[in-house]
């Protein structure tokens, strides 16, 4: 049994992960963490499922010592604190958190010298299959097509564009042999002039309880290709995260993404 720790245990994604772990035959819930001051501290992590697990929600990072792998979908500053504790205790990490700055990404790369890490902007198997399709499409449609990346998420999401939308743009830019920052158009307002060829536009919606919609448009003359992924539940993120945790079971160190987990 691989022992799994979950952060953000009282949140929507945390609960989805806890439920997925408890339903798995080869994984065991070892620790459940939440931020200090949470009213859920001291409560059984599986109380919401109506079947107590004996694992109490805690804000003590030393609880990670009893885990083989941590799954983290919180905020950058929280994830980095959890990551430092994982390095101290030799615990592998699956990071689904987005919104890291360059310093945060560098800290993750450094930590991967000591523990195994899967770091991806989206853990969904379907999203990662979509990224593979985008790579193929971008190589074929490498001239004569304007590319736009559209994404929509719930009103609680704090970063924009989403990590998945950025990864989609990076995938296309890489297929074209260019850095995304050099060809991205992040916003449009006022008199923008004609669109510059070879750029990638981004547009964002925040509202309601949208779990996550992403569409990439390849707009040519007389035709338009749309590649879309829509999430109606966080269950796909949870199942992908468990696959990542299983992938890390034999790893002592190293930085990996979901493309590697899925053999893509």
Protein backbone atom coordinates (compact mmCIF):
# COMPACT_ATOMS: atom_id res chain seq x y z
CA UNK A 1 0.00 0.00 0.00
CA UNK A 2 1.26 3.46 -0.91
CA UNK A 3 0.57 5.90 1.91
CA UNK A 4 -0.92 9.16 0.66
CA UNK A 5 -1.11 12.57 2.34
CA UNK A 6 -3.62 15.18 1.14
CA UNK A 7 -3.43 18.94 1.69
CA UNK A 8 -6.41 21.28 1.64
CA UNK A 9 -8.32 18.40 3.19
CA UNK A 10 -11.52 20.36 3.86
CA UNK A 11 -11.67 21.95 0.40
CA UNK A 12 -13.49 20.71 -2.69
CA UNK A 13 -10.43 19.21 -4.36
CA UNK A 14 -9.06 17.86 -1.09
CA UNK A 15 -12.27 15.99 -0.37
CA UNK A 16 -12.37 14.61 -3.91
CA UNK A 17 -8.83 13.30 -3.45
CA UNK A 18 -9.59 11.79 -0.05
CA UNK A 19 -12.61 9.99 -1.46
CA UNK A 20 -10.60 8.67 -4.41
CA UNK A 21 -7.82 7.39 -2.14
CA UNK A 22 -10.24 5.61 0.19
CA UNK A 23 -11.88 3.91 -2.80
CA UNK A 24 -8.52 2.65 -4.13
CA UNK A 25 -7.33 -0.87 -3.42
CA UNK A 26 -3.62 0.00 -3.47
CA UNK A 27 -3.52 3.39 -1.72
CA UNK A 28 -3.98 4.30 1.94
CA UNK A 29 -4.80 7.69 3.46
CA UNK A 30 -1.91 8.47 5.81
CA UNK A 31 -2.35 12.18 6.58
CA UNK A 32 -4.78 15.02 5.91
CA UNK A 33 -3.61 18.62 6.29
CA UNK A 34 -5.38 21.96 6.32
CA UNK A 35 -4.33 25.51 7.04
CA UNK A 36 -3.95 26.69 10.62
CA UNK A 37 -7.19 28.06 11.98
CA UNK A 38 -9.43 25.84 9.88
CA UNK A 39 -12.51 24.74 11.84
CA UNK A 40 -11.91 21.23 10.49
CA UNK A 41 -8.65 20.76 12.44
CA UNK A 42 -9.03 17.71 14.67
CA UNK A 43 -11.96 16.29 12.69
CA UNK A 44 -11.81 12.89 10.98
CA UNK A 45 -10.73 13.40 7.37
CA UNK A 46 -13.46 11.05 6.10
CA UNK A 47 -16.32 12.32 8.26
CA UNK A 48 -17.95 13.85 5.18
CA UNK A 49 -18.14 10.35 3.68
CA UNK A 50 -19.89 8.94 6.72
CA UNK A 51 -17.15 6.40 7.37
CA UNK A 52 -14.44 7.50 9.83
CA UNK A 53 -10.88 6.74 8.79
CA UNK A 54 -9.01 7.40 12.02
CA UNK A 55 -6.94 10.04 10.20
CA UNK A 56 -7.53 13.44 11.79
CA UNK A 57 -7.10 16.69 9.87
CA UNK A 58 -4.07 18.58 11.18
CA UNK A 59 -2.01 21.68 10.46
CA UNK A 60 1.22 20.03 11.65
CA UNK A 61 3.55 19.41 8.73
CA UNK A 62 5.41 16.68 10.63
CA UNK A 63 2.36 14.50 9.92
CA UNK A 64 3.91 14.08 6.48
CA UNK A 65 6.57 11.81 8.00
CA UNK A 66 4.07 8.94 7.87
CA UNK A 67 3.39 9.28 4.13
CA UNK A 68 5.06 8.04 0.97
CA UNK A 69 3.57 10.72 -1.28
CA UNK A 70 1.81 14.07 -0.82
CA UNK A 71 -0.82 15.31 -3.27
CA UNK A 72 -1.09 19.11 -3.18
CA UNK A 73 -3.68 21.34 -4.88
CA UNK A 74 -3.45 24.46 -2.71
CA UNK A 75 -1.79 27.86 -3.29
CA UNK A 76 1.84 28.46 -4.30
CA UNK A 77 3.00 29.70 -0.90
CA UNK A 78 1.36 26.76 0.88
CA UNK A 79 2.67 24.22 -1.60
CA UNK A 80 6.24 25.47 -1.20
CA UNK A 81 5.99 25.15 2.59
CA UNK A 82 4.64 21.61 2.20
CA UNK A 83 7.41 20.86 -0.29
CA UNK A 84 10.12 21.85 2.18
CA UNK A 85 8.60 19.50 4.76
CA UNK A 86 8.47 16.70 2.19
CA UNK A 87 12.16 17.14 1.43
CA UNK A 88 12.94 16.91 5.18
CA UNK A 89 10.97 13.69 5.49
CA UNK A 90 11.82 12.11 2.13
CA UNK A 91 8.23 12.21 0.84
CA UNK A 92 7.44 12.32 -2.89
CA UNK A 93 5.07 15.03 -4.11
CA UNK A 94 2.34 15.40 -6.74
CA UNK A 95 1.82 19.14 -7.38
CA UNK A 96 -1.37 20.27 -9.08
CA UNK A 97 -1.11 23.84 -7.76
CA UNK A 98 -0.82 26.58 -10.39
CA UNK A 99 0.28 30.23 -10.35
CA UNK A 100 3.95 29.76 -9.37
CA UNK A 101 6.41 32.52 -10.21
CA UNK A 102 9.91 31.78 -11.51
CA UNK A 103 11.34 31.53 -7.99
CA UNK A 104 8.66 29.00 -7.02
CA UNK A 105 9.35 26.90 -10.10
CA UNK A 106 13.07 27.01 -9.31
CA UNK A 107 12.36 25.79 -5.76
CA UNK A 108 10.40 22.85 -7.16
CA UNK A 109 13.25 21.98 -9.52
CA UNK A 110 15.72 22.11 -6.63
CA UNK A 111 13.53 19.92 -4.40
CA UNK A 112 13.37 17.31 -7.17
CA UNK A 113 17.05 16.61 -6.53
CA UNK A 114 15.97 15.07 -3.20
CA UNK A 115 12.48 13.62 -3.80
CA UNK A 116 10.35 12.53 -6.73
CA UNK A 117 7.96 15.20 -7.99
CA UNK A 118 5.20 15.19 -10.60
CA UNK A 119 4.45 18.83 -11.41
CA UNK A 120 1.76 19.58 -13.97
CA UNK A 121 -0.75 22.38 -14.51
CA UNK A 122 -3.50 19.81 -15.00
CA UNK A 123 -3.60 16.23 -13.73
CA UNK A 124 -6.53 15.16 -15.91
CA UNK A 125 -5.74 12.28 -18.26
CA UNK A 126 -8.08 13.85 -20.82
CA UNK A 127 -6.34 17.22 -20.68
CA UNK A 128 -2.97 15.60 -21.20
CA UNK A 129 -4.31 13.68 -24.18
CA UNK A 130 -5.56 17.06 -25.47
CA UNK A 131 -2.05 18.52 -25.09
CA UNK A 132 -0.72 15.69 -27.26
CA UNK A 133 -3.35 16.48 -29.91
CA UNK A 134 -2.41 20.17 -29.79
CA UNK A 135 1.24 19.34 -30.38
CA UNK A 136 0.28 17.32 -33.45
CA UNK A 137 -2.09 19.99 -34.76
CA UNK A 138 0.43 22.81 -34.26
CA UNK A 139 3.07 20.95 -36.27
CA UNK A 140 0.64 20.44 -39.15
CA UNK A 141 -1.05 23.88 -38.98
CA UNK A 142 2.19 25.82 -38.63
CA UNK A 143 1.38 28.55 -41.14
CA UNK A 144 -1.76 30.26 -42.38
CA UNK A 145 -3.65 29.73 -39.12
CA UNK A 146 -4.30 32.12 -36.25
CA UNK A 147 -4.33 30.48 -32.82
CA UNK A 148 -6.52 31.51 -29.90
CA UNK A 149 -6.65 29.86 -26.46
CA UNK A 150 -9.91 30.28 -24.54
CA UNK A 151 -10.46 29.17 -20.94
CA UNK A 152 -13.27 29.48 -18.39
CA UNK A 153 -13.23 28.71 -14.65
CA UNK A 154 -15.26 29.32 -11.49
CA UNK A 155 -15.20 32.69 -9.76
CA UNK A 156 -12.95 31.43 -6.94
CA UNK A 157 -9.93 30.89 -9.22
CA UNK A 158 -7.24 33.49 -8.48
CA UNK A 159 -4.76 33.12 -11.37
CA UNK A 160 -5.29 33.86 -15.05
CA UNK A 161 -4.81 32.54 -17.63
CA UNK A 162 -5.15 29.11 -16.07
CA UNK A 163 -2.10 26.90 -15.79
CA UNK A 164 -3.70 24.56 -18.32
CA UNK A 165 -4.26 27.37 -20.83
CA UNK A 166 -0.62 28.43 -20.42
CA UNK A 167 0.51 24.85 -20.95
CA UNK A 168 -1.58 24.67 -24.11
CA UNK A 169 0.06 27.84 -25.38
CA UNK A 170 3.51 26.55 -24.44
CA UNK A 171 2.83 23.27 -26.25
CA UNK A 172 1.92 25.09 -29.46
CA UNK A 173 4.82 27.56 -29.18
CA UNK A 174 7.26 24.69 -28.58
CA UNK A 175 5.95 22.91 -31.69
CA UNK A 176 6.67 26.14 -33.60
CA UNK A 177 10.15 26.42 -32.07
CA UNK A 178 9.43 29.69 -30.24
CA UNK A 179 9.17 30.81 -26.57
CA UNK A 180 5.56 31.51 -25.63
CA UNK A 181 6.38 34.90 -24.06
CA UNK A 182 7.63 36.15 -27.42
CA UNK A 183 4.43 35.35 -29.34
CA UNK A 184 1.63 35.55 -26.73
CA UNK A 185 -1.06 38.24 -26.76
CA UNK A 186 -2.38 38.35 -23.20
CA UNK A 187 -5.06 41.03 -23.56
CA UNK A 188 -6.79 43.23 -26.12
CA UNK A 189 -8.39 46.60 -25.50
CA UNK A 190 -9.06 49.66 -27.62
CA UNK A 191 -7.62 50.11 -31.11
CA UNK A 192 -5.32 47.10 -31.36
CA UNK A 193 -4.64 47.12 -35.07
CA UNK A 194 -4.63 44.03 -37.26
CA UNK A 195 -3.63 40.75 -35.73
CA UNK A 196 0.05 39.88 -36.08
CA UNK A 197 0.67 36.55 -37.80
CA UNK A 198 2.26 33.80 -35.73
CA UNK A 199 0.93 35.00 -32.38
CA UNK A 200 -1.18 33.13 -29.82
CA UNK A 201 -4.07 34.99 -28.23
CA UNK A 202 -5.54 34.25 -24.80
CA UNK A 203 -9.00 35.01 -23.43
CA UNK A 204 -10.40 34.27 -19.98
CA UNK A 205 -13.80 33.88 -18.33
CA UNK A 206 -14.32 33.73 -14.56
CA UNK A 207 -17.79 33.00 -13.28
CA UNK A 208 -20.15 30.75 -11.40
CA UNK A 209 -19.06 27.20 -10.66
CA UNK A 210 -17.38 26.33 -13.98
CA UNK A 211 -14.96 23.49 -13.21
CA UNK A 212 -12.78 24.12 -16.25
CA UNK A 213 -13.32 24.62 -20.00
CA UNK A 214 -10.50 25.00 -22.53
CA UNK A 215 -10.70 25.44 -26.29
CA UNK A 216 -7.90 26.13 -28.74
CA UNK A 217 -8.91 27.59 -32.10
CA UNK A 218 -6.81 27.21 -35.24
CA UNK A 219 -8.47 29.78 -37.53
CA UNK A 220 -7.55 29.54 -41.21
CA UNK A 221 -9.00 30.83 -44.46
CA UNK A 222 -12.33 29.13 -45.04
CA UNK A 223 -12.02 26.74 -42.08
CA UNK A 224 -11.59 26.59 -38.32
CA UNK A 225 -10.32 23.70 -36.21
CA UNK A 226 -11.35 23.63 -32.54
CA UNK A 227 -9.80 21.32 -29.94
CA UNK A 228 -11.80 21.38 -26.71
CA UNK A 229 -11.66 19.83 -23.28
CA UNK A 230 -14.44 20.42 -20.73
CA UNK A 231 -14.43 19.27 -17.12
CA UNK A 232 -17.79 18.67 -15.46
CA UNK A 233 -16.24 17.26 -12.28
CA UNK A 234 -12.95 17.34 -10.37
CA UNK A 235 -12.94 13.54 -10.39
CA UNK A 236 -10.71 13.50 -13.47
CA UNK A 237 -8.08 15.57 -11.67
CA UNK A 238 -8.21 13.21 -8.70
CA UNK A 239 -7.83 10.05 -10.77
CA UNK A 240 -4.91 11.54 -12.69
CA UNK A 241 -3.26 12.53 -9.41
CA UNK A 242 -3.49 8.96 -8.14
CA UNK A 243 -1.84 7.73 -11.34
CA UNK A 244 0.95 10.25 -10.73
CA UNK A 245 1.37 9.03 -7.12
CA UNK A 246 1.62 5.43 -8.34
CA UNK A 247 4.18 6.52 -10.96
CA UNK A 248 6.35 8.05 -8.21
CA UNK A 249 6.23 4.91 -6.04
CA UNK A 250 9.47 3.62 -7.57
CA UNK A 251 11.16 7.02 -7.84
CA UNK A 252 13.65 8.41 -5.32
CA UNK A 253 14.08 11.79 -7.02
CA UNK A 254 13.46 13.61 -10.26
CA UNK A 255 11.02 16.09 -11.81
CA UNK A 256 8.30 14.68 -14.05
CA UNK A 257 5.12 15.85 -15.76
CA UNK A 258 1.89 14.08 -16.65
CA UNK A 259 3.04 13.44 -20.21
CA UNK A 260 5.75 11.22 -18.73
CA UNK A 261 3.33 9.62 -16.25
CA UNK A 262 1.04 8.65 -19.15
CA UNK A 263 3.86 7.60 -21.48
CA UNK A 264 3.04 10.31 -24.02
